[in-house]
Amino acid sequence: YAGQPAPSPDTRLPFYDSWAVNNYAWDAMCWATEVGVINGRSNGMLDPRGNASRAEIAQMILNFLEEYGGKK
């Protein structure tokens, strides 16, 4: 829907466990955190190998729609 988003070349993941993001998901995860779709957990962790709650998924969808909902 948002096209093929790519993070800025100097984007870094500001989480203690960013090392756990798989290579195939790195660009997408960097983009999602850069634009505010994903904000991580309150303890400074991303937990990329964990499970997301329904509330966390709902917040990610809301963040995405606020950024891209009116754009095509």
PDB file of N, CA and C in Angstrom:
ATOM      1  N   TYR A   1       0.822  -1.194   0.000  1.00  0.00           N
ATOM      2  CA  TYR A   1       0.000   0.000   0.000  1.00  0.00           C
ATOM      3  C   TYR A   1       0.864   1.256   0.000  1.00  0.00           C
ATOM      4  N   ALA A   2       1.926   1.250   0.764  1.00  0.00           N
ATOM      5  CA  ALA A   2       2.792   2.428   0.856  1.00  0.00           C
ATOM      6  C   ALA A   2       3.888   2.380  -0.205  1.00  0.00           C
ATOM      7  N   GLY A   3       3.808   1.460  -1.131  1.00  0.00           N
ATOM      8  CA  GLY A   3       4.855   1.342  -2.142  1.00  0.00           C
ATOM      9  C   GLY A   3       5.967   0.456  -1.628  1.00  0.00           C
ATOM     10  N   GLN A   4       7.160   0.784  -2.006  1.00  0.00           N
ATOM     11  CA  GLN A   4       8.311   0.037  -1.531  1.00  0.00           C
ATOM     12  C   GLN A   4       9.126   0.957  -0.632  1.00  0.00           C
ATOM     13  N   PRO A   5       8.703   1.075   0.613  1.00  0.00           N
ATOM     14  CA  PRO A   5       9.412   2.003   1.497  1.00  0.00           C
ATOM     15  C   PRO A   5      10.835   1.548   1.752  1.00  0.00           C
ATOM     16  N   ALA A   6      11.680   2.502   1.867  1.00  0.00           N
ATOM     17  CA  ALA A   6      13.077   2.234   2.197  1.00  0.00           C
ATOM     18  C   ALA A   6      13.495   3.241   3.263  1.00  0.00           C
ATOM     19  N   PRO A   7      14.288   2.799   4.221  1.00  0.00           N
ATOM     20  CA  PRO A   7      14.740   3.728   5.250  1.00  0.00           C
ATOM     21  C   PRO A   7      15.799   4.669   4.712  1.00  0.00           C
ATOM     22  N   SER A   8      16.025   5.744   5.422  1.00  0.00           N
ATOM     23  CA  SER A   8      17.133   6.630   5.082  1.00  0.00           C
ATOM     24  C   SER A   8      18.426   5.838   5.208  1.00  0.00           C
ATOM     25  N   PRO A   9      19.442   6.171   4.432  1.00  0.00           N
ATOM     26  CA  PRO A   9      20.685   5.392   4.460  1.00  0.00           C
ATOM     27  C   PRO A   9      21.356   5.333   5.838  1.00  0.00           C
ATOM     28  N   ASP A  10      21.144   6.330   6.673  1.00  0.00           N
ATOM     29  CA  ASP A  10      21.805   6.358   7.973  1.00  0.00           C
ATOM     30  C   ASP A  10      20.906   5.914   9.125  1.00  0.00           C
ATOM     31  N   THR A  11      19.782   5.275   8.815  1.00  0.00           N
ATOM     32  CA  THR A  11      18.841   4.838   9.845  1.00  0.00           C
ATOM     33  C   THR A  11      19.461   3.741  10.696  1.00  0.00           C
ATOM     34  N   ARG A  12      19.303   3.894  11.992  1.00  0.00           N
ATOM     35  CA  ARG A  12      19.747   2.887  12.957  1.00  0.00           C
ATOM     36  C   ARG A  12      18.542   2.519  13.815  1.00  0.00           C
ATOM     37  N   LEU A  13      18.505   1.306  14.271  1.00  0.00           N
ATOM     38  CA  LEU A  13      17.445   0.895  15.176  1.00  0.00           C
ATOM     39  C   LEU A  13      17.874   1.220  16.606  1.00  0.00           C
ATOM     40  N   PRO A  14      17.120   2.065  17.294  1.00  0.00           N
ATOM     41  CA  PRO A  14      17.510   2.515  18.631  1.00  0.00           C
ATOM     42  C   PRO A  14      17.051   1.586  19.751  1.00  0.00           C
ATOM     43  N   PHE A  15      17.223   0.300  19.576  1.00  0.00           N
ATOM     44  CA  PHE A  15      16.769  -0.670  20.565  1.00  0.00           C
ATOM     45  C   PHE A  15      17.935  -1.547  20.997  1.00  0.00           C
ATOM     46  N   TYR A  16      17.893  -1.977  22.251  1.00  0.00           N
ATOM     47  CA  TYR A  16      18.963  -2.813  22.800  1.00  0.00           C
ATOM     48  C   TYR A  16      19.072  -4.155  22.085  1.00  0.00           C
ATOM     49  N   ASP A  17      17.963  -4.638  21.551  1.00  0.00           N
ATOM     50  CA  ASP A  17      17.965  -5.952  20.916  1.00  0.00           C
ATOM     51  C   ASP A  17      17.836  -5.882  19.396  1.00  0.00           C
ATOM     52  N   SER A  18      18.291  -4.797  18.804  1.00  0.00           N
ATOM     53  CA  SER A  18      18.199  -4.676  17.339  1.00  0.00           C
ATOM     54  C   SER A  18      19.022  -5.742  16.629  1.00  0.00           C
ATOM     55  N   TRP A  19      19.992  -6.307  17.315  1.00  0.00           N
ATOM     56  CA  TRP A  19      20.802  -7.387  16.734  1.00  0.00           C
ATOM     57  C   TRP A  19      19.939  -8.605  16.377  1.00  0.00           C
ATOM     58  N   ALA A  20      18.755  -8.733  16.990  1.00  0.00           N
ATOM     59  CA  ALA A  20      17.908  -9.900  16.783  1.00  0.00           C
ATOM     60  C   ALA A  20      17.027  -9.795  15.539  1.00  0.00           C
ATOM     61  N   VAL A  21      17.046  -8.662  14.846  1.00  0.00           N
ATOM     62  CA  VAL A  21      16.259  -8.510  13.619  1.00  0.00           C
ATOM     63  C   VAL A  21      16.947  -9.292  12.496  1.00  0.00           C
ATOM     64  N   ASN A  22      16.213 -10.167  11.841  1.00  0.00           N
ATOM     65  CA  ASN A  22      16.779 -10.946  10.739  1.00  0.00           C
ATOM     66  C   ASN A  22      17.154 -10.044   9.569  1.00  0.00           C
ATOM     67  N   ASN A  23      18.148 -10.455   8.816  1.00  0.00           N
ATOM     68  CA  ASN A  23      18.624  -9.661   7.679  1.00  0.00           C
ATOM     69  C   ASN A  23      17.521  -9.340   6.683  1.00  0.00           C
ATOM     70  N   TYR A  24      16.646 -10.313   6.407  1.00  0.00           N
ATOM     71  CA  TYR A  24      15.597 -10.079   5.411  1.00  0.00           C
ATOM     72  C   TYR A  24      14.619  -8.999   5.846  1.00  0.00           C
ATOM     73  N   ALA A  25      14.502  -8.745   7.147  1.00  0.00           N
ATOM     74  CA  ALA A  25      13.531  -7.776   7.662  1.00  0.00           C
ATOM     75  C   ALA A  25      14.172  -6.441   8.053  1.00  0.00           C
ATOM     76  N   TRP A  26      15.495  -6.329   7.927  1.00  0.00           N
ATOM     77  CA  TRP A  26      16.202  -5.154   8.429  1.00  0.00           C
ATOM     78  C   TRP A  26      15.703  -3.837   7.820  1.00  0.00           C
ATOM     79  N   ASP A  27      15.647  -3.741   6.501  1.00  0.00           N
ATOM     80  CA  ASP A  27      15.207  -2.495   5.861  1.00  0.00           C
ATOM     81  C   ASP A  27      13.768  -2.144   6.242  1.00  0.00           C
ATOM     82  N   ALA A  28      12.898  -3.134   6.229  1.00  0.00           N
ATOM     83  CA  ALA A  28      11.499  -2.880   6.575  1.00  0.00           C
ATOM     84  C   ALA A  28      11.366  -2.436   8.030  1.00  0.00           C
ATOM     85  N   MET A  29      12.111  -3.047   8.923  1.00  0.00           N
ATOM     86  CA  MET A  29      12.053  -2.674  10.334  1.00  0.00           C
ATOM     87  C   MET A  29      12.621  -1.273  10.550  1.00  0.00           C
ATOM     88  N   CYS A  30      13.713  -0.954   9.852  1.00  0.00           N
ATOM     89  CA  CYS A  30      14.281   0.395   9.948  1.00  0.00           C
ATOM     90  C   CYS A  30      13.278   1.430   9.445  1.00  0.00           C
ATOM     91  N   TRP A  31      12.635   1.143   8.313  1.00  0.00           N
ATOM     92  CA  TRP A  31      11.635   2.066   7.778  1.00  0.00           C
ATOM     93  C   TRP A  31      10.480   2.228   8.760  1.00  0.00           C
ATOM     94  N   ALA A  32       9.967   1.128   9.284  1.00  0.00           N
ATOM     95  CA  ALA A  32       8.804   1.187  10.179  1.00  0.00           C
ATOM     96  C   ALA A  32       9.101   1.967  11.454  1.00  0.00           C
ATOM     97  N   THR A  33      10.313   1.861  11.972  1.00  0.00           N
ATOM     98  CA  THR A  33      10.652   2.641  13.168  1.00  0.00           C
ATOM     99  C   THR A  33      10.930   4.095  12.806  1.00  0.00           C
ATOM    100  N   GLU A  34      11.514   4.322  11.645  1.00  0.00           N
ATOM    101  CA  GLU A  34      11.828   5.689  11.208  1.00  0.00           C
ATOM    102  C   GLU A  34      10.567   6.530  11.036  1.00  0.00           C
ATOM    103  N   VAL A  35       9.513   5.947  10.472  1.00  0.00           N
ATOM    104  CA  VAL A  35       8.282   6.709  10.236  1.00  0.00           C
ATOM    105  C   VAL A  35       7.291   6.604  11.384  1.00  0.00           C
ATOM    106  N   GLY A  36       7.618   5.837  12.421  1.00  0.00           N
ATOM    107  CA  GLY A  36       6.781   5.772  13.604  1.00  0.00           C
ATOM    108  C   GLY A  36       5.699   4.718  13.601  1.00  0.00           C
ATOM    109  N   VAL A  37       5.746   3.778  12.668  1.00  0.00           N
ATOM    110  CA  VAL A  37       4.773   2.687  12.671  1.00  0.00           C
ATOM    111  C   VAL A  37       5.045   1.766  13.848  1.00  0.00           C
ATOM    112  N   ILE A  38       6.313   1.509  14.117  1.00  0.00           N
ATOM    113  CA  ILE A  38       6.729   0.675  15.243  1.00  0.00           C
ATOM    114  C   ILE A  38       7.565   1.533  16.183  1.00  0.00           C
ATOM    115  N   ASN A  39       7.213   1.490  17.454  1.00  0.00           N
ATOM    116  CA  ASN A  39       7.927   2.281  18.451  1.00  0.00           C
ATOM    117  C   ASN A  39       8.639   1.435  19.488  1.00  0.00           C
ATOM    118  N   GLY A  40       8.533   0.134  19.375  1.00  0.00           N
ATOM    119  CA  GLY A  40       9.171  -0.737  20.341  1.00  0.00           C
ATOM    120  C   GLY A  40       8.388  -0.823  21.635  1.00  0.00           C
ATOM    121  N   ARG A  41       8.964  -1.505  22.580  1.00  0.00           N
ATOM    122  CA  ARG A  41       8.332  -1.679  23.884  1.00  0.00           C
ATOM    123  C   ARG A  41       8.848  -0.605  24.837  1.00  0.00           C
ATOM    124  N   SER A  42       8.183  -0.440  25.942  1.00  0.00           N
ATOM    125  CA  SER A  42       8.520   0.634  26.882  1.00  0.00           C
ATOM    126  C   SER A  42       9.871   0.445  27.563  1.00  0.00           C
ATOM    127  N   ASN A  43      10.440  -0.729  27.505  1.00  0.00           N
ATOM    128  CA  ASN A  43      11.717  -0.998  28.158  1.00  0.00           C
ATOM    129  C   ASN A  43      12.915  -0.808  27.230  1.00  0.00           C
ATOM    130  N   GLY A  44      12.714  -0.143  26.100  1.00  0.00           N
ATOM    131  CA  GLY A  44      13.801   0.077  25.149  1.00  0.00           C
ATOM    132  C   GLY A  44      14.121  -1.122  24.278  1.00  0.00           C
ATOM    133  N   MET A  45      13.229  -2.094  24.289  1.00  0.00           N
ATOM    134  CA  MET A  45      13.423  -3.306  23.508  1.00  0.00           C
ATOM    135  C   MET A  45      12.440  -3.335  22.346  1.00  0.00           C
ATOM    136  N   LEU A  46      12.845  -3.976  21.282  1.00  0.00           N
ATOM    137  CA  LEU A  46      12.004  -4.166  20.115  1.00  0.00           C
ATOM    138  C   LEU A  46      11.320  -5.532  20.164  1.00  0.00           C
ATOM    139  N   ASP A  47      12.028  -6.527  20.643  1.00  0.00           N
ATOM    140  CA  ASP A  47      11.544  -7.907  20.742  1.00  0.00           C
ATOM    141  C   ASP A  47      11.099  -8.434  19.382  1.00  0.00           C
ATOM    142  N   PRO A  48      11.984  -8.396  18.371  1.00  0.00           N
ATOM    143  CA  PRO A  48      11.595  -8.805  17.019  1.00  0.00           C
ATOM    144  C   PRO A  48      11.270 -10.286  16.872  1.00  0.00           C
ATOM    145  N   ARG A  49      11.670 -11.089  17.816  1.00  0.00           N
ATOM    146  CA  ARG A  49      11.371 -12.523  17.732  1.00  0.00           C
ATOM    147  C   ARG A  49      10.242 -12.926  18.671  1.00  0.00           C
ATOM    148  N   GLY A  50       9.642 -11.956  19.337  1.00  0.00           N
ATOM    149  CA  GLY A  50       8.545 -12.232  20.257  1.00  0.00           C
ATOM    150  C   GLY A  50       7.200 -12.109  19.565  1.00  0.00           C
ATOM    151  N   ASN A  51       6.168 -12.217  20.337  1.00  0.00           N
ATOM    152  CA  ASN A  51       4.808 -12.093  19.827  1.00  0.00           C
ATOM    153  C   ASN A  51       4.267 -10.712  20.148  1.00  0.00           C
ATOM    154  N   ALA A  52       3.482 -10.157  19.242  1.00  0.00           N
ATOM    155  CA  ALA A  52       2.837  -8.869  19.465  1.00  0.00           C
ATOM    156  C   ALA A  52       1.416  -9.108  19.961  1.00  0.00           C
ATOM    157  N   SER A  53       0.988  -8.298  20.908  1.00  0.00           N
ATOM    158  CA  SER A  53      -0.381  -8.409  21.402  1.00  0.00           C
ATOM    159  C   SER A  53      -1.337  -7.772  20.397  1.00  0.00           C
ATOM    160  N   ARG A  54      -2.625  -8.017  20.574  1.00  0.00           N
ATOM    161  CA  ARG A  54      -3.618  -7.383  19.706  1.00  0.00           C
ATOM    162  C   ARG A  54      -3.543  -5.868  19.830  1.00  0.00           C
ATOM    163  N   ALA A  55      -3.317  -5.381  21.045  1.00  0.00           N
ATOM    164  CA  ALA A  55      -3.215  -3.928  21.256  1.00  0.00           C
ATOM    165  C   ALA A  55      -2.014  -3.350  20.514  1.00  0.00           C
ATOM    166  N   GLU A  56      -0.890  -4.065  20.513  1.00  0.00           N
ATOM    167  CA  GLU A  56       0.299  -3.585  19.802  1.00  0.00           C
ATOM    168  C   GLU A  56       0.064  -3.564  18.294  1.00  0.00           C
ATOM    169  N   ILE A  57      -0.568  -4.590  17.770  1.00  0.00           N
ATOM    170  CA  ILE A  57      -0.881  -4.642  16.335  1.00  0.00           C
ATOM    171  C   ILE A  57      -1.844  -3.515  15.971  1.00  0.00           C
ATOM    172  N   ALA A  58      -2.859  -3.304  16.800  1.00  0.00           N
ATOM    173  CA  ALA A  58      -3.812  -2.224  16.543  1.00  0.00           C
ATOM    174  C   ALA A  58      -3.105  -0.877  16.523  1.00  0.00           C
ATOM    175  N   GLN A  59      -2.152  -0.664  17.434  1.00  0.00           N
ATOM    176  CA  GLN A  59      -1.414   0.597  17.466  1.00  0.00           C
ATOM    177  C   GLN A  59      -0.555   0.763  16.221  1.00  0.00           C
ATOM    178  N   MET A  60       0.066  -0.322  15.749  1.00  0.00           N
ATOM    179  CA  MET A  60       0.867  -0.242  14.526  1.00  0.00           C
ATOM    180  C   MET A  60      -0.005   0.112  13.325  1.00  0.00           C
ATOM    181  N   ILE A  61      -1.187  -0.494  13.237  1.00  0.00           N
ATOM    182  CA  ILE A  61      -2.102  -0.179  12.133  1.00  0.00           C
ATOM    183  C   ILE A  61      -2.537   1.279  12.216  1.00  0.00           C
ATOM    184  N   LEU A  62      -2.881   1.740  13.414  1.00  0.00           N
ATOM    185  CA  LEU A  62      -3.277   3.132  13.590  1.00  0.00           C
ATOM    186  C   LEU A  62      -2.143   4.077  13.199  1.00  0.00           C
ATOM    187  N   ASN A  63      -0.918   3.774  13.631  1.00  0.00           N
ATOM    188  CA  ASN A  63       0.233   4.608  13.272  1.00  0.00           C
ATOM    189  C   ASN A  63       0.424   4.650  11.760  1.00  0.00           C
ATOM    190  N   PHE A  64       0.284   3.503  11.101  1.00  0.00           N
ATOM    191  CA  PHE A  64       0.432   3.443   9.654  1.00  0.00           C
ATOM    192  C   PHE A  64      -0.643   4.273   8.965  1.00  0.00           C
ATOM    193  N   LEU A  65      -1.891   4.107   9.398  1.00  0.00           N
ATOM    194  CA  LEU A  65      -2.992   4.830   8.764  1.00  0.00           C
ATOM    195  C   LEU A  65      -2.894   6.333   8.985  1.00  0.00           C
ATOM    196  N   GLU A  66      -2.406   6.740  10.142  1.00  0.00           N
ATOM    197  CA  GLU A  66      -2.221   8.170  10.375  1.00  0.00           C
ATOM    198  C   GLU A  66      -1.176   8.748   9.430  1.00  0.00           C
ATOM    199  N   GLU A  67      -0.184   7.957   9.104  1.00  0.00           N
ATOM    200  CA  GLU A  67       0.884   8.425   8.214  1.00  0.00           C
ATOM    201  C   GLU A  67       0.510   8.297   6.745  1.00  0.00           C
ATOM    202  N   TYR A  68      -0.154   7.196   6.374  1.00  0.00           N
ATOM    203  CA  TYR A  68      -0.391   6.864   4.968  1.00  0.00           C
ATOM    204  C   TYR A  68      -1.847   6.709   4.575  1.00  0.00           C
ATOM    205  N   GLY A  69      -2.772   6.874   5.500  1.00  0.00           N
ATOM    206  CA  GLY A  69      -4.192   6.620   5.236  1.00  0.00           C
ATOM    207  C   GLY A  69      -4.792   7.445   4.123  1.00  0.00           C
ATOM    208  N   GLY A  70      -4.396   8.700   3.986  1.00  0.00           N
ATOM    209  CA  GLY A  70      -4.970   9.542   2.952  1.00  0.00           C
ATOM    210  C   GLY A  70      -4.126   9.643   1.705  1.00  0.00           C
ATOM    211  N   LYS A  71      -3.008   8.939   1.666  1.00  0.00           N
ATOM    212  CA  LYS A  71      -2.097   9.026   0.516  1.00  0.00           C
ATOM    213  C   LYS A  71      -2.248   7.803  -0.366  1.00  0.00           C
ATOM    214  N   LYS A  72      -2.160   8.027  -1.650  1.00  0.00           N
ATOM    215  CA  LYS A  72      -2.191   6.895  -2.592  1.00  0.00           C
ATOM    216  C   LYS A  72      -1.083   7.048  -3.587  1.00  0.00           C
TER     217      LYS A  72
END
